[in-house]
Amino acid sequence: MTVTDEPREPGRDRAPSSATAPPSWPGLCGRCRHARTVTSARGSRFLRCELAAHDARYAKYPALPVGRCEGHAPGEVSR
């Protein structure tokens, strides 16, 4: 518990929204053109591998950081 001089408003003790500053994704996926950012209804962000739609060798939502991937293609993550 944190002690402050000012009362907190509900929901004000959370970190700033990730919508204001996109995350820096770790590993190869953060620099892959096959990766796409997916935002849940609750505001959580995930990286989805578009290769998974056509090739079962790739995880739809890979555990990050990915250090080695045959399908890695340097480029920007789609938002």
C-alpha atoms as a PDB file:
ATOM      1  CA  MET A   1       0.000   0.000   0.000  1.00  0.00           C
ATOM      2  CA  THR A   2       1.267   3.457  -0.872  1.00  0.00           C
ATOM      3  CA  VAL A   3       0.784   6.443   1.401  1.00  0.00           C
ATOM      4  CA  THR A   4       0.018   9.742  -0.329  1.00  0.00           C
ATOM      5  CA  ASP A   5      -1.159  13.184   0.729  1.00  0.00           C
ATOM      6  CA  GLU A   6      -3.856  13.294  -1.928  1.00  0.00           C
ATOM      7  CA  PRO A   7      -6.812  10.919  -2.187  1.00  0.00           C
ATOM      8  CA  ARG A   8      -6.814   8.751  -5.285  1.00  0.00           C
ATOM      9  CA  GLU A   9      -9.582   8.611  -7.796  1.00  0.00           C
ATOM     10  CA  PRO A  10     -10.775   5.128  -8.800  1.00  0.00           C
ATOM     11  CA  GLY A  11      -8.620   3.785 -11.629  1.00  0.00           C
ATOM     12  CA  ARG A  12      -5.980   6.499 -11.245  1.00  0.00           C
ATOM     13  CA  ASP A  13      -3.377   4.203  -9.697  1.00  0.00           C
ATOM     14  CA  ARG A  14      -2.887   2.326 -12.964  1.00  0.00           C
ATOM     15  CA  ALA A  15       0.022   2.770 -15.315  1.00  0.00           C
ATOM     16  CA  PRO A  16      -0.513   5.024 -18.332  1.00  0.00           C
ATOM     17  CA  SER A  17      -2.483   3.462 -21.154  1.00  0.00           C
ATOM     18  CA  SER A  18      -0.438   1.460 -23.648  1.00  0.00           C
ATOM     19  CA  ALA A  19      -2.436   3.202 -26.374  1.00  0.00           C
ATOM     20  CA  THR A  20      -0.463   6.389 -25.732  1.00  0.00           C
ATOM     21  CA  ALA A  21       2.933   4.737 -26.158  1.00  0.00           C
ATOM     22  CA  PRO A  22       3.246   1.570 -28.248  1.00  0.00           C
ATOM     23  CA  PRO A  23       5.315  -1.121 -26.572  1.00  0.00           C
ATOM     24  CA  SER A  24       8.766  -2.027 -27.726  1.00  0.00           C
ATOM     25  CA  TRP A  25       8.275  -5.722 -28.478  1.00  0.00           C
ATOM     26  CA  PRO A  26      11.174  -7.991 -27.475  1.00  0.00           C
ATOM     27  CA  GLY A  27      12.912 -10.510 -29.699  1.00  0.00           C
ATOM     28  CA  LEU A  28      12.598 -11.064 -33.426  1.00  0.00           C
ATOM     29  CA  CYS A  29       8.822 -10.542 -33.525  1.00  0.00           C
ATOM     30  CA  GLY A  30       9.288  -6.899 -32.620  1.00  0.00           C
ATOM     31  CA  ARG A  31      11.082  -6.402 -35.934  1.00  0.00           C
ATOM     32  CA  CYS A  32       9.104  -8.770 -38.192  1.00  0.00           C
ATOM     33  CA  ARG A  33       6.714  -7.831 -40.990  1.00  0.00           C
ATOM     34  CA  HIS A  34       4.600 -10.947 -40.255  1.00  0.00           C
ATOM     35  CA  ALA A  35       3.753  -9.715 -36.750  1.00  0.00           C
ATOM     36  CA  ARG A  36       0.555  -7.791 -36.082  1.00  0.00           C
ATOM     37  CA  THR A  37      -0.489  -5.994 -32.897  1.00  0.00           C
ATOM     38  CA  VAL A  38      -3.809  -7.182 -31.470  1.00  0.00           C
ATOM     39  CA  THR A  39      -5.543  -5.223 -28.687  1.00  0.00           C
ATOM     40  CA  SER A  40      -8.102  -7.010 -26.511  1.00  0.00           C
ATOM     41  CA  ALA A  41     -11.362  -5.475 -25.327  1.00  0.00           C
ATOM     42  CA  ARG A  42      -9.673  -4.863 -21.953  1.00  0.00           C
ATOM     43  CA  GLY A  43      -6.750  -3.008 -23.516  1.00  0.00           C
ATOM     44  CA  SER A  44      -4.079  -5.741 -23.339  1.00  0.00           C
ATOM     45  CA  ARG A  45      -1.782  -5.924 -26.345  1.00  0.00           C
ATOM     46  CA  PHE A  46      -0.439  -9.057 -28.003  1.00  0.00           C
ATOM     47  CA  LEU A  47       1.635  -9.878 -31.057  1.00  0.00           C
ATOM     48  CA  ARG A  48       0.010 -12.218 -33.552  1.00  0.00           C
ATOM     49  CA  CYS A  49       2.065 -14.083 -36.135  1.00  0.00           C
ATOM     50  CA  GLU A  50       0.311 -13.924 -39.513  1.00  0.00           C
ATOM     51  CA  LEU A  51       2.320 -16.961 -40.703  1.00  0.00           C
ATOM     52  CA  ALA A  52       0.287 -19.125 -38.303  1.00  0.00           C
ATOM     53  CA  ALA A  53      -2.796 -18.705 -40.516  1.00  0.00           C
ATOM     54  CA  HIS A  54      -1.100 -20.704 -43.299  1.00  0.00           C
ATOM     55  CA  ASP A  55       1.594 -22.766 -41.583  1.00  0.00           C
ATOM     56  CA  ALA A  56       1.069 -24.867 -38.428  1.00  0.00           C
ATOM     57  CA  ARG A  57       4.770 -24.598 -37.531  1.00  0.00           C
ATOM     58  CA  TYR A  58       4.189 -21.070 -36.248  1.00  0.00           C
ATOM     59  CA  ALA A  59       2.354 -20.161 -33.042  1.00  0.00           C
ATOM     60  CA  LYS A  60      -0.539 -17.753 -33.486  1.00  0.00           C
ATOM     61  CA  TYR A  61       0.557 -15.831 -30.372  1.00  0.00           C
ATOM     62  CA  PRO A  62       4.226 -16.766 -29.793  1.00  0.00           C
ATOM     63  CA  ALA A  63       5.755 -16.616 -26.337  1.00  0.00           C
ATOM     64  CA  LEU A  64       8.069 -13.617 -26.319  1.00  0.00           C
ATOM     65  CA  PRO A  65      10.943 -13.110 -26.744  1.00  0.00           C
ATOM     66  CA  VAL A  66      11.460 -15.264 -29.839  1.00  0.00           C
ATOM     67  CA  GLY A  67      15.173 -15.715 -30.465  1.00  0.00           C
ATOM     68  CA  ARG A  68      15.098 -17.833 -33.625  1.00  0.00           C
ATOM     69  CA  CYS A  69      12.428 -18.153 -36.324  1.00  0.00           C
ATOM     70  CA  GLU A  70      12.669 -19.502 -39.887  1.00  0.00           C
ATOM     71  CA  GLY A  71       9.840 -17.237 -41.016  1.00  0.00           C
ATOM     72  CA  HIS A  72      11.315 -14.008 -39.673  1.00  0.00           C
ATOM     73  CA  ALA A  73      11.261 -11.228 -42.259  1.00  0.00           C
ATOM     74  CA  PRO A  74      12.727  -7.893 -41.180  1.00  0.00           C
ATOM     75  CA  GLY A  75      10.212  -5.077 -41.298  1.00  0.00           C
ATOM     76  CA  GLU A  76       7.663  -3.092 -39.306  1.00  0.00           C
ATOM     77  CA  VAL A  77       5.044  -4.661 -37.023  1.00  0.00           C
ATOM     78  CA  SER A  78       1.539  -3.959 -38.363  1.00  0.00           C
ATOM     79  CA  ARG A  79      -0.622  -2.014 -35.951  1.00  0.00           C
END
